[in-house]
Amino acid sequence: MSIPRVIVGISGASGAAVGIRIVELLASTGACEIHLVATRAAERTIAYEVGDRALARAADLVDRHHDIDDIGASIASGSFRTSGMIVAPCSIGSLSAIATGNLDTLLTRAADVQLKERRKLILMVRESPLHLGHLRSMAAVTEYGAIVAPLAPAFYQRPQSISEMIDHMALRAIGLLGIDDLSAAPPEWSDDTPPTCP
């Protein structure tokens, strides 16, 4: 693998803008090969939350846009080496499918491959409130080696817009991959005393 390969999965939960932004930020580095897979529910959510052409624009930025039903795609095989996968947003449906080995879509199969090959899998879960079944699924995927990183904006940087919050969440997910070649990274916290709020 000459440059890192990263899979970006987008499922149907709210927060589709974060998945699209991850694709944009990864593409802007020029430092990795990007594979994109989106569920049918994601296509609908993306169109509603981000715009009718948002998925098509993201698909133009990646090296390969895989069909959700293409179980024979390269990303469904452990022999296709990757540096990891981010699912953003990760619906509870997708999370539960990954937790239980329900691999009937390319997104869940690709995620399962990351786990079995001991590669990074970042699941940006988007749901609230959570019942015990949700929490058990999160615990299960964590035990299997995934990183559960809920879509949660950081307020300590005093974001001035939704775009800034989306950027921070996207950059945080990219940072969790731990790929040194990717220049995109969220600002680090400083131990300096934060300014007093007015």
N, C-alpha and C. Protein backbone atom coordinates (compact mmCIF):
# COMPACT_ATOMS: atom_id res chain seq x y z
N MET A 1 0.85 -1.17 0.00
CA MET A 1 0.00 0.00 0.00
C MET A 1 0.90 1.23 0.00
N SER A 2 0.94 1.95 -1.12
CA SER A 2 1.85 3.09 -1.23
C SER A 2 1.38 4.28 -0.41
N ILE A 3 0.08 4.58 -0.44
CA ILE A 3 -0.47 5.64 0.41
C ILE A 3 -1.60 5.02 1.22
N PRO A 4 -1.93 5.63 2.36
CA PRO A 4 -3.00 5.05 3.19
C PRO A 4 -4.33 5.01 2.45
N ARG A 5 -5.06 3.93 2.67
CA ARG A 5 -6.43 3.82 2.16
C ARG A 5 -7.38 4.02 3.33
N VAL A 6 -8.38 4.85 3.12
CA VAL A 6 -9.37 5.11 4.16
C VAL A 6 -10.76 4.89 3.57
N ILE A 7 -11.59 4.18 4.31
CA ILE A 7 -12.99 3.98 3.93
C ILE A 7 -13.84 4.95 4.74
N VAL A 8 -14.72 5.65 4.06
CA VAL A 8 -15.70 6.50 4.74
C VAL A 8 -17.07 5.92 4.46
N GLY A 9 -17.77 5.55 5.53
CA GLY A 9 -19.14 5.07 5.42
C GLY A 9 -20.08 6.13 5.96
N ILE A 10 -21.20 6.30 5.29
CA ILE A 10 -22.22 7.23 5.76
C ILE A 10 -23.53 6.47 5.86
N SER A 11 -24.10 6.43 7.07
CA SER A 11 -25.38 5.76 7.24
C SER A 11 -26.48 6.79 7.39
N GLY A 12 -27.70 6.35 7.66
CA GLY A 12 -28.85 7.23 7.55
C GLY A 12 -29.18 8.11 8.72
N ALA A 13 -28.36 8.15 9.75
CA ALA A 13 -28.64 9.00 10.90
C ALA A 13 -28.47 10.47 10.54
N SER A 14 -29.05 11.33 11.37
CA SER A 14 -28.84 12.76 11.20
C SER A 14 -27.38 13.08 11.47
N GLY A 15 -26.88 14.12 10.82
CA GLY A 15 -25.47 14.48 10.96
C GLY A 15 -24.68 14.16 9.72
N ALA A 16 -25.37 14.01 8.59
CA ALA A 16 -24.72 13.62 7.34
C ALA A 16 -23.64 14.61 6.92
N ALA A 17 -23.77 15.86 7.32
CA ALA A 17 -22.77 16.87 6.95
C ALA A 17 -21.39 16.50 7.46
N VAL A 18 -21.32 15.80 8.60
CA VAL A 18 -20.01 15.42 9.15
C VAL A 18 -19.34 14.40 8.23
N GLY A 19 -20.09 13.41 7.76
CA GLY A 19 -19.52 12.42 6.83
C GLY A 19 -19.04 13.06 5.55
N ILE A 20 -19.84 13.96 5.00
CA ILE A 20 -19.45 14.67 3.78
C ILE A 20 -18.19 15.49 4.03
N ARG A 21 -18.13 16.15 5.18
CA ARG A 21 -16.96 16.99 5.50
C ARG A 21 -15.71 16.15 5.68
N ILE A 22 -15.84 14.96 6.25
CA ILE A 22 -14.69 14.06 6.38
C ILE A 22 -14.12 13.75 5.00
N VAL A 23 -14.99 13.45 4.06
CA VAL A 23 -14.54 13.18 2.68
C VAL A 23 -13.80 14.40 2.14
N GLU A 24 -14.38 15.58 2.31
CA GLU A 24 -13.75 16.79 1.78
C GLU A 24 -12.38 17.03 2.40
N LEU A 25 -12.29 16.87 3.71
CA LEU A 25 -11.01 17.11 4.39
C LEU A 25 -9.96 16.08 4.00
N LEU A 26 -10.34 14.82 3.91
CA LEU A 26 -9.39 13.79 3.48
C LEU A 26 -8.92 14.07 2.06
N ALA A 27 -9.85 14.44 1.18
CA ALA A 27 -9.48 14.72 -0.21
C ALA A 27 -8.55 15.92 -0.30
N SER A 28 -8.75 16.89 0.58
CA SER A 28 -7.93 18.11 0.52
C SER A 28 -6.47 17.84 0.88
N THR A 29 -6.21 16.77 1.64
CA THR A 29 -4.83 16.45 2.00
C THR A 29 -4.07 15.85 0.83
N GLY A 30 -4.78 15.16 -0.06
CA GLY A 30 -4.12 14.46 -1.16
C GLY A 30 -3.21 13.35 -0.70
N ALA A 31 -3.35 12.95 0.57
CA ALA A 31 -2.41 12.01 1.17
C ALA A 31 -2.98 10.61 1.36
N CYS A 32 -4.20 10.38 0.87
CA CYS A 32 -4.76 9.04 1.04
C CYS A 32 -5.70 8.69 -0.10
N GLU A 33 -5.94 7.41 -0.24
CA GLU A 33 -6.89 6.88 -1.21
C GLU A 33 -8.21 6.71 -0.46
N ILE A 34 -9.27 7.31 -0.97
CA ILE A 34 -10.55 7.33 -0.26
C ILE A 34 -11.57 6.45 -0.95
N HIS A 35 -12.22 5.60 -0.14
CA HIS A 35 -13.32 4.76 -0.61
C HIS A 35 -14.56 5.16 0.15
N LEU A 36 -15.65 5.40 -0.57
CA LEU A 36 -16.89 5.88 0.02
C LEU A 36 -18.00 4.87 -0.18
N VAL A 37 -18.80 4.63 0.87
CA VAL A 37 -20.00 3.81 0.76
C VAL A 37 -21.08 4.46 1.61
N ALA A 38 -22.26 4.62 1.02
CA ALA A 38 -23.38 5.26 1.72
C ALA A 38 -24.61 4.37 1.60
N THR A 39 -25.34 4.25 2.69
CA THR A 39 -26.57 3.47 2.67
C THR A 39 -27.65 4.24 1.92
N ARG A 40 -28.73 3.53 1.57
CA ARG A 40 -29.84 4.21 0.90
C ARG A 40 -30.48 5.25 1.83
N ALA A 41 -30.56 4.93 3.11
CA ALA A 41 -31.09 5.91 4.07
C ALA A 41 -30.17 7.13 4.13
N ALA A 42 -28.87 6.91 4.00
CA ALA A 42 -27.92 8.04 4.00
C ALA A 42 -28.15 8.93 2.79
N GLU A 43 -28.42 8.34 1.64
CA GLU A 43 -28.66 9.14 0.44
C GLU A 43 -29.82 10.11 0.69
N ARG A 44 -30.85 9.60 1.32
CA ARG A 44 -32.02 10.45 1.62
C ARG A 44 -31.68 11.53 2.63
N THR A 45 -30.96 11.15 3.68
CA THR A 45 -30.61 12.11 4.73
C THR A 45 -29.67 13.18 4.20
N ILE A 46 -28.68 12.76 3.40
CA ILE A 46 -27.74 13.72 2.82
C ILE A 46 -28.49 14.75 1.97
N ALA A 47 -29.40 14.27 1.12
CA ALA A 47 -30.17 15.18 0.26
C ALA A 47 -30.96 16.17 1.10
N TYR A 48 -31.53 15.70 2.20
CA TYR A 48 -32.36 16.57 3.04
C TYR A 48 -31.52 17.54 3.86
N GLU A 49 -30.44 17.05 4.46
CA GLU A 49 -29.66 17.88 5.39
C GLU A 49 -28.57 18.71 4.73
N VAL A 50 -28.00 18.20 3.64
CA VAL A 50 -26.84 18.87 3.03
C VAL A 50 -27.15 19.42 1.65
N GLY A 51 -28.03 18.75 0.92
CA GLY A 51 -28.40 19.20 -0.42
C GLY A 51 -28.44 18.07 -1.42
N ASP A 52 -29.24 18.24 -2.45
CA ASP A 52 -29.46 17.19 -3.45
C ASP A 52 -28.18 16.70 -4.12
N ARG A 53 -27.21 17.58 -4.31
CA ARG A 53 -25.99 17.21 -5.05
C ARG A 53 -24.81 16.90 -4.13
N ALA A 54 -25.01 16.92 -2.83
CA ALA A 54 -23.90 16.77 -1.89
C ALA A 54 -23.21 15.42 -2.02
N LEU A 55 -23.97 14.34 -2.14
CA LEU A 55 -23.35 13.02 -2.27
C LEU A 55 -22.60 12.90 -3.59
N ALA A 56 -23.17 13.43 -4.65
CA ALA A 56 -22.50 13.39 -5.96
C ALA A 56 -21.19 14.17 -5.91
N ARG A 57 -21.20 15.32 -5.24
CA ARG A 57 -19.96 16.11 -5.12
C ARG A 57 -18.91 15.35 -4.31
N ALA A 58 -19.35 14.69 -3.23
CA ALA A 58 -18.41 13.89 -2.42
C ALA A 58 -17.88 12.72 -3.24
N ALA A 59 -18.73 12.10 -4.02
CA ALA A 59 -18.31 10.96 -4.84
C ALA A 59 -17.26 11.38 -5.86
N ASP A 60 -17.34 12.62 -6.33
CA ASP A 60 -16.34 13.12 -7.28
C ASP A 60 -14.97 13.31 -6.63
N LEU A 61 -14.94 13.43 -5.31
CA LEU A 61 -13.67 13.66 -4.60
C LEU A 61 -12.93 12.38 -4.23
N VAL A 62 -13.64 11.26 -4.23
CA VAL A 62 -13.04 10.01 -3.75
C VAL A 62 -12.46 9.20 -4.90
N ASP A 63 -11.63 8.23 -4.53
CA ASP A 63 -11.06 7.34 -5.55
C ASP A 63 -12.07 6.31 -6.02
N ARG A 64 -12.99 5.91 -5.11
CA ARG A 64 -13.99 4.92 -5.48
C ARG A 64 -15.24 5.11 -4.64
N HIS A 65 -16.38 5.22 -5.30
CA HIS A 65 -17.68 5.28 -4.63
C HIS A 65 -18.35 3.94 -4.85
N HIS A 66 -18.50 3.16 -3.78
CA HIS A 66 -19.03 1.80 -3.88
C HIS A 66 -20.52 1.78 -3.66
N ASP A 67 -21.21 0.93 -4.41
CA ASP A 67 -22.63 0.71 -4.24
C ASP A 67 -22.88 -0.08 -2.95
N ILE A 68 -23.89 0.29 -2.21
CA ILE A 68 -24.17 -0.34 -0.92
C ILE A 68 -24.46 -1.83 -1.04
N ASP A 69 -24.94 -2.27 -2.20
CA ASP A 69 -25.28 -3.69 -2.38
C ASP A 69 -24.14 -4.52 -2.97
N ASP A 70 -23.01 -3.88 -3.27
CA ASP A 70 -21.90 -4.60 -3.91
C ASP A 70 -21.06 -5.33 -2.87
N ILE A 71 -21.55 -6.46 -2.42
CA ILE A 71 -20.87 -7.23 -1.38
C ILE A 71 -19.52 -7.76 -1.88
N GLY A 72 -19.35 -7.83 -3.20
CA GLY A 72 -18.07 -8.28 -3.75
C GLY A 72 -17.06 -7.16 -3.98
N ALA A 73 -17.34 -5.98 -3.49
CA ALA A 73 -16.42 -4.84 -3.67
C ALA A 73 -15.11 -5.09 -2.93
N SER A 74 -14.08 -4.38 -3.36
CA SER A 74 -12.76 -4.55 -2.76
C SER A 74 -12.78 -4.35 -1.25
N ILE A 75 -13.54 -3.38 -0.76
CA ILE A 75 -13.53 -3.06 0.67
C ILE A 75 -14.22 -4.13 1.51
N ALA A 76 -14.83 -5.13 0.86
CA ALA A 76 -15.47 -6.23 1.59
C ALA A 76 -14.49 -7.36 1.87
N SER A 77 -13.24 -7.20 1.45
CA SER A 77 -12.25 -8.27 1.61
C SER A 77 -11.11 -7.83 2.53
N GLY A 78 -10.72 -8.73 3.41
CA GLY A 78 -9.59 -8.47 4.29
C GLY A 78 -8.28 -8.35 3.56
N SER A 79 -8.20 -8.92 2.35
CA SER A 79 -6.95 -8.83 1.58
C SER A 79 -6.75 -7.44 0.99
N PHE A 80 -7.80 -6.62 1.00
CA PHE A 80 -7.70 -5.23 0.55
C PHE A 80 -7.31 -4.40 1.76
N ARG A 81 -6.02 -4.11 1.86
CA ARG A 81 -5.50 -3.48 3.07
C ARG A 81 -5.89 -2.01 3.15
N THR A 82 -6.33 -1.61 4.32
CA THR A 82 -6.70 -0.22 4.55
C THR A 82 -6.07 0.25 5.86
N SER A 83 -6.08 1.55 6.04
CA SER A 83 -5.62 2.13 7.31
C SER A 83 -6.76 2.33 8.28
N GLY A 84 -7.98 2.06 7.85
CA GLY A 84 -9.12 2.16 8.73
C GLY A 84 -10.36 2.68 8.04
N MET A 85 -11.42 2.77 8.84
CA MET A 85 -12.73 3.18 8.33
C MET A 85 -13.40 4.08 9.35
N ILE A 86 -14.06 5.11 8.84
CA ILE A 86 -14.88 5.99 9.66
C ILE A 86 -16.32 5.86 9.17
N VAL A 87 -17.25 5.62 10.07
CA VAL A 87 -18.67 5.66 9.73
C VAL A 87 -19.25 6.90 10.41
N ALA A 88 -19.63 7.87 9.58
CA ALA A 88 -20.10 9.15 10.10
C ALA A 88 -21.23 9.71 9.24
N PRO A 89 -22.39 9.86 9.78
CA PRO A 89 -22.80 9.39 11.09
C PRO A 89 -23.03 7.88 11.06
N CYS A 90 -23.01 7.29 12.22
CA CYS A 90 -23.31 5.86 12.36
C CYS A 90 -24.66 5.74 13.04
N SER A 91 -25.64 5.26 12.31
CA SER A 91 -26.97 5.07 12.89
C SER A 91 -26.95 3.92 13.89
N ILE A 92 -27.92 3.90 14.75
CA ILE A 92 -28.05 2.78 15.69
C ILE A 92 -28.29 1.49 14.92
N GLY A 93 -29.00 1.57 13.80
CA GLY A 93 -29.21 0.38 12.97
C GLY A 93 -27.91 -0.20 12.46
N SER A 94 -27.03 0.66 11.96
CA SER A 94 -25.73 0.19 11.47
C SER A 94 -24.86 -0.30 12.62
N LEU A 95 -24.86 0.44 13.73
CA LEU A 95 -24.10 0.03 14.90
C LEU A 95 -24.54 -1.35 15.37
N SER A 96 -25.85 -1.56 15.47
CA SER A 96 -26.37 -2.85 15.95
C SER A 96 -26.03 -3.97 14.98
N ALA A 97 -26.09 -3.67 13.68
CA ALA A 97 -25.74 -4.68 12.68
C ALA A 97 -24.27 -5.09 12.81
N ILE A 98 -23.40 -4.10 13.00
CA ILE A 98 -21.97 -4.39 13.17
C ILE A 98 -21.75 -5.19 14.45
N ALA A 99 -22.45 -4.82 15.51
CA ALA A 99 -22.28 -5.49 16.80
C ALA A 99 -22.71 -6.94 16.77
N THR A 100 -23.70 -7.25 15.92
CA THR A 100 -24.25 -8.61 15.88
C THR A 100 -23.80 -9.42 14.67
N GLY A 101 -22.93 -8.83 13.84
CA GLY A 101 -22.45 -9.56 12.67
C GLY A 101 -23.48 -9.68 11.57
N ASN A 102 -24.41 -8.74 11.49
CA ASN A 102 -25.42 -8.72 10.42
C ASN A 102 -24.81 -7.98 9.23
N LEU A 103 -24.25 -8.73 8.30
CA LEU A 103 -23.41 -8.15 7.25
C LEU A 103 -24.10 -8.16 5.90
N ASP A 104 -25.33 -7.66 5.85
CA ASP A 104 -26.09 -7.73 4.61
C ASP A 104 -25.92 -6.51 3.72
N THR A 105 -25.10 -5.53 4.12
CA THR A 105 -24.79 -4.40 3.24
C THR A 105 -23.27 -4.25 3.17
N LEU A 106 -22.82 -3.53 2.17
CA LEU A 106 -21.38 -3.32 2.04
C LEU A 106 -20.83 -2.50 3.20
N LEU A 107 -21.60 -1.57 3.73
CA LEU A 107 -21.11 -0.77 4.85
C LEU A 107 -20.82 -1.66 6.06
N THR A 108 -21.77 -2.51 6.43
CA THR A 108 -21.55 -3.35 7.61
C THR A 108 -20.49 -4.41 7.34
N ARG A 109 -20.41 -4.91 6.11
CA ARG A 109 -19.37 -5.89 5.78
C ARG A 109 -17.99 -5.24 5.86
N ALA A 110 -17.85 -4.05 5.30
CA ALA A 110 -16.55 -3.35 5.34
C ALA A 110 -16.14 -3.05 6.78
N ALA A 111 -17.11 -2.67 7.60
CA ALA A 111 -16.81 -2.41 9.01
C ALA A 111 -16.37 -3.69 9.71
N ASP A 112 -17.03 -4.79 9.42
CA ASP A 112 -16.68 -6.08 10.02
C ASP A 112 -15.26 -6.49 9.61
N VAL A 113 -14.90 -6.21 8.37
CA VAL A 113 -13.55 -6.53 7.90
C VAL A 113 -12.51 -5.76 8.71
N GLN A 114 -12.79 -4.50 9.02
CA GLN A 114 -11.85 -3.72 9.83
C GLN A 114 -11.63 -4.38 11.18
N LEU A 115 -12.72 -4.86 11.77
CA LEU A 115 -12.62 -5.51 13.08
C LEU A 115 -11.84 -6.81 13.01
N LYS A 116 -12.17 -7.65 12.03
CA LYS A 116 -11.50 -8.96 11.97
C LYS A 116 -10.03 -8.84 11.61
N GLU A 117 -9.68 -7.79 10.89
CA GLU A 117 -8.28 -7.58 10.51
C GLU A 117 -7.54 -6.70 11.52
N ARG A 118 -8.23 -6.33 12.60
CA ARG A 118 -7.64 -5.51 13.68
C ARG A 118 -7.18 -4.14 13.16
N ARG A 119 -8.04 -3.54 12.35
CA ARG A 119 -7.79 -2.19 11.82
C ARG A 119 -8.69 -1.20 12.53
N LYS A 120 -8.38 0.07 12.38
CA LYS A 120 -9.16 1.12 13.04
C LYS A 120 -10.58 1.18 12.45
N LEU A 121 -11.56 1.22 13.33
CA LEU A 121 -12.96 1.43 12.95
C LEU A 121 -13.52 2.47 13.90
N ILE A 122 -13.86 3.64 13.35
CA ILE A 122 -14.40 4.73 14.15
C ILE A 122 -15.88 4.87 13.81
N LEU A 123 -16.72 4.71 14.82
CA LEU A 123 -18.17 4.78 14.63
C LEU A 123 -18.70 6.03 15.31
N MET A 124 -19.08 7.01 14.50
CA MET A 124 -19.59 8.28 15.02
C MET A 124 -21.10 8.17 15.20
N VAL A 125 -21.46 7.60 16.34
CA VAL A 125 -22.85 7.29 16.63
C VAL A 125 -23.66 8.56 16.84
N ARG A 126 -24.87 8.54 16.29
CA ARG A 126 -25.76 9.70 16.43
C ARG A 126 -27.13 9.19 16.88
N GLU A 127 -27.41 9.31 18.14
CA GLU A 127 -28.72 8.97 18.70
C GLU A 127 -28.82 9.54 20.10
N SER A 128 -30.03 9.93 20.49
CA SER A 128 -30.26 10.41 21.84
C SER A 128 -31.76 10.51 22.07
N PRO A 129 -32.22 10.07 23.21
CA PRO A 129 -31.51 9.37 24.28
C PRO A 129 -31.22 7.93 23.88
N LEU A 130 -30.46 7.25 24.72
CA LEU A 130 -30.05 5.88 24.45
C LEU A 130 -30.74 4.92 25.41
N HIS A 131 -31.19 3.77 24.88
CA HIS A 131 -31.70 2.75 25.79
C HIS A 131 -30.62 1.69 25.98
N LEU A 132 -30.88 0.74 26.84
CA LEU A 132 -29.86 -0.24 27.22
C LEU A 132 -29.36 -1.05 26.03
N GLY A 133 -30.23 -1.35 25.08
CA GLY A 133 -29.79 -2.09 23.89
C GLY A 133 -28.76 -1.32 23.08
N HIS A 134 -28.97 -0.01 22.97
CA HIS A 134 -27.98 0.84 22.27
C HIS A 134 -26.63 0.78 22.99
N LEU A 135 -26.69 0.94 24.30
CA LEU A 135 -25.45 0.93 25.09
C LEU A 135 -24.75 -0.42 25.01
N ARG A 136 -25.52 -1.49 25.00
CA ARG A 136 -24.91 -2.83 24.89
C ARG A 136 -24.25 -3.02 23.53
N SER A 137 -24.88 -2.50 22.48
CA SER A 137 -24.26 -2.57 21.15
C SER A 137 -22.96 -1.77 21.12
N MET A 138 -22.95 -0.60 21.75
CA MET A 138 -21.73 0.19 21.83
C MET A 138 -20.65 -0.54 22.61
N ALA A 139 -21.04 -1.17 23.69
CA ALA A 139 -20.07 -1.93 24.48
C ALA A 139 -19.52 -3.10 23.66
N ALA A 140 -20.40 -3.77 22.91
CA ALA A 140 -19.97 -4.93 22.12
C ALA A 140 -18.94 -4.52 21.06
N VAL A 141 -19.24 -3.47 20.29
CA VAL A 141 -18.28 -3.08 19.24
C VAL A 141 -16.98 -2.59 19.84
N THR A 142 -17.06 -1.96 21.01
CA THR A 142 -15.84 -1.52 21.70
C THR A 142 -15.01 -2.73 22.11
N GLU A 143 -15.66 -3.76 22.62
CA GLU A 143 -14.94 -4.99 22.97
C GLU A 143 -14.31 -5.64 21.76
N TYR A 144 -14.93 -5.49 20.59
CA TYR A 144 -14.38 -6.06 19.35
C TYR A 144 -13.22 -5.23 18.80
N GLY A 145 -13.05 -4.01 19.30
CA GLY A 145 -11.93 -3.18 18.86
C GLY A 145 -12.29 -1.87 18.20
N ALA A 146 -13.58 -1.59 18.03
CA ALA A 146 -13.99 -0.33 17.41
C ALA A 146 -13.85 0.82 18.40
N ILE A 147 -13.82 2.03 17.87
CA ILE A 147 -13.84 3.24 18.68
C ILE A 147 -15.20 3.90 18.47
N VAL A 148 -15.97 4.01 19.55
CA VAL A 148 -17.25 4.70 19.47
C VAL A 148 -17.00 6.17 19.80
N ALA A 149 -17.25 7.02 18.82
CA ALA A 149 -17.00 8.45 18.96
C ALA A 149 -18.28 9.20 18.59
N PRO A 150 -19.17 9.40 19.55
CA PRO A 150 -20.44 10.05 19.23
C PRO A 150 -20.26 11.42 18.59
N LEU A 151 -21.22 11.76 17.74
CA LEU A 151 -21.22 13.10 17.14
C LEU A 151 -21.53 14.10 18.26
N ALA A 152 -20.49 14.66 18.81
CA ALA A 152 -20.65 15.59 19.93
C ALA A 152 -19.74 16.78 19.71
N PRO A 153 -20.32 17.96 19.52
CA PRO A 153 -19.49 19.14 19.29
C PRO A 153 -18.73 19.55 20.54
N ALA A 154 -17.57 20.14 20.33
CA ALA A 154 -16.77 20.67 21.44
C ALA A 154 -17.06 22.16 21.57
N PHE A 155 -17.37 22.58 22.78
CA PHE A 155 -17.70 23.99 22.99
C PHE A 155 -16.55 24.78 23.61
N TYR A 156 -15.50 24.11 24.07
CA TYR A 156 -14.40 24.83 24.71
C TYR A 156 -13.65 25.71 23.73
N GLN A 157 -13.81 25.47 22.43
CA GLN A 157 -13.17 26.33 21.44
C GLN A 157 -14.06 27.49 21.01
N ARG A 158 -15.22 27.57 21.66
CA ARG A 158 -16.17 28.64 21.38
C ARG A 158 -16.48 28.78 19.89
N PRO A 159 -17.03 27.73 19.30
CA PRO A 159 -17.32 27.78 17.86
C PRO A 159 -18.32 28.90 17.55
N GLN A 160 -18.09 29.55 16.42
CA GLN A 160 -18.93 30.67 16.02
C GLN A 160 -19.99 30.27 15.00
N SER A 161 -19.94 29.02 14.54
CA SER A 161 -20.89 28.59 13.52
C SER A 161 -21.05 27.08 13.57
N ILE A 162 -22.10 26.61 12.94
CA ILE A 162 -22.30 25.16 12.82
C ILE A 162 -21.17 24.56 12.00
N SER A 163 -20.70 25.29 10.99
CA SER A 163 -19.58 24.80 10.15
C SER A 163 -18.34 24.52 10.99
N GLU A 164 -18.05 25.38 11.95
CA GLU A 164 -16.89 25.16 12.82
C GLU A 164 -17.08 23.91 13.67
N MET A 165 -18.31 23.67 14.14
CA MET A 165 -18.58 22.47 14.93
C MET A 165 -18.44 21.21 14.07
N ILE A 166 -18.94 21.27 12.85
CA ILE A 166 -18.82 20.14 11.93
C ILE A 166 -17.36 19.86 11.64
N ASP A 167 -16.59 20.91 11.38
CA ASP A 167 -15.16 20.73 11.10
C ASP A 167 -14.45 20.06 12.26
N HIS A 168 -14.75 20.50 13.47
CA HIS A 168 -14.07 19.93 14.64
C HIS A 168 -14.39 18.45 14.78
N MET A 169 -15.66 18.08 14.62
CA MET A 169 -16.02 16.66 14.73
C MET A 169 -15.38 15.83 13.63
N ALA A 170 -15.35 16.38 12.42
CA ALA A 170 -14.73 15.66 11.29
C ALA A 170 -13.23 15.49 11.51
N LEU A 171 -12.57 16.56 11.92
CA LEU A 171 -11.13 16.49 12.16
C LEU A 171 -10.79 15.55 13.30
N ARG A 172 -11.64 15.52 14.32
CA ARG A 172 -11.41 14.61 15.44
C ARG A 172 -11.46 13.15 14.98
N ALA A 173 -12.42 12.83 14.12
CA ALA A 173 -12.53 11.46 13.60
C ALA A 173 -11.31 11.10 12.76
N ILE A 174 -10.89 12.01 11.91
CA ILE A 174 -9.71 11.76 11.08
C ILE A 174 -8.49 11.54 11.97
N GLY A 175 -8.37 12.36 13.02
CA GLY A 175 -7.25 12.21 13.95
C GLY A 175 -7.22 10.84 14.62
N LEU A 176 -8.40 10.27 14.87
CA LEU A 176 -8.47 8.96 15.52
C LEU A 176 -7.91 7.84 14.65
N LEU A 177 -7.82 8.08 13.35
CA LEU A 177 -7.20 7.07 12.47
C LEU A 177 -5.72 6.91 12.78
N GLY A 178 -5.09 7.98 13.27
CA GLY A 178 -3.68 7.91 13.63
C GLY A 178 -2.74 7.81 12.45
N ILE A 179 -3.11 8.43 11.34
CA ILE A 179 -2.27 8.40 10.14
C ILE A 179 -1.44 9.68 10.09
N ASP A 180 -0.14 9.54 10.23
CA ASP A 180 0.74 10.71 10.31
C ASP A 180 0.71 11.55 9.05
N ASP A 181 0.49 10.94 7.88
CA ASP A 181 0.54 11.66 6.62
C ASP A 181 -0.62 12.64 6.44
N LEU A 182 -1.67 12.47 7.23
CA LEU A 182 -2.82 13.35 7.08
C LEU A 182 -2.61 14.61 7.89
N SER A 183 -2.54 15.73 7.20
CA SER A 183 -2.25 16.99 7.89
C SER A 183 -3.46 17.54 8.63
N ALA A 184 -4.65 17.04 8.26
CA ALA A 184 -5.86 17.53 8.93
C ALA A 184 -5.89 17.02 10.36
N ALA A 185 -5.98 17.92 11.30
CA ALA A 185 -6.06 17.53 12.71
C ALA A 185 -6.76 18.63 13.49
N PRO A 186 -7.53 18.25 14.50
CA PRO A 186 -8.20 19.30 15.28
C PRO A 186 -7.20 20.04 16.15
N PRO A 187 -7.49 21.27 16.49
CA PRO A 187 -6.60 22.01 17.40
C PRO A 187 -6.50 21.26 18.73
N GLU A 188 -5.31 21.25 19.29
CA GLU A 188 -5.11 20.56 20.56
C GLU A 188 -5.49 21.46 21.72
N TRP A 189 -5.96 20.83 22.80
CA TRP A 189 -6.27 21.55 24.02
C TRP A 189 -4.98 22.00 24.68
N SER A 190 -4.99 23.17 25.21
CA SER A 190 -3.86 23.70 25.94
C SER A 190 -4.20 23.69 27.42
N ASP A 191 -3.20 23.50 28.27
CA ASP A 191 -3.47 23.54 29.70
C ASP A 191 -3.45 24.96 30.25
N ASP A 192 -3.32 25.94 29.37
CA ASP A 192 -3.44 27.33 29.80
C ASP A 192 -4.84 27.56 30.34
N THR A 193 -4.95 28.45 31.29
CA THR A 193 -6.25 28.78 31.85
C THR A 193 -7.12 29.42 30.78
N PRO A 194 -8.30 28.83 30.52
CA PRO A 194 -9.17 29.44 29.50
C PRO A 194 -9.64 30.82 29.95
N PRO A 195 -9.94 31.68 29.01
CA PRO A 195 -10.39 33.01 29.38
C PRO A 195 -11.72 32.94 30.15
N THR A 196 -11.93 33.91 31.01
CA THR A 196 -13.16 33.96 31.78
C THR A 196 -14.32 34.34 30.87
N CYS A 197 -15.42 33.63 31.04
CA CYS A 197 -16.60 33.93 30.23
C CYS A 197 -17.17 35.27 30.66
N PRO A 198 -17.70 36.04 29.70
CA PRO A 198 -18.27 37.34 30.05
C PRO A 198 -19.53 37.17 30.87
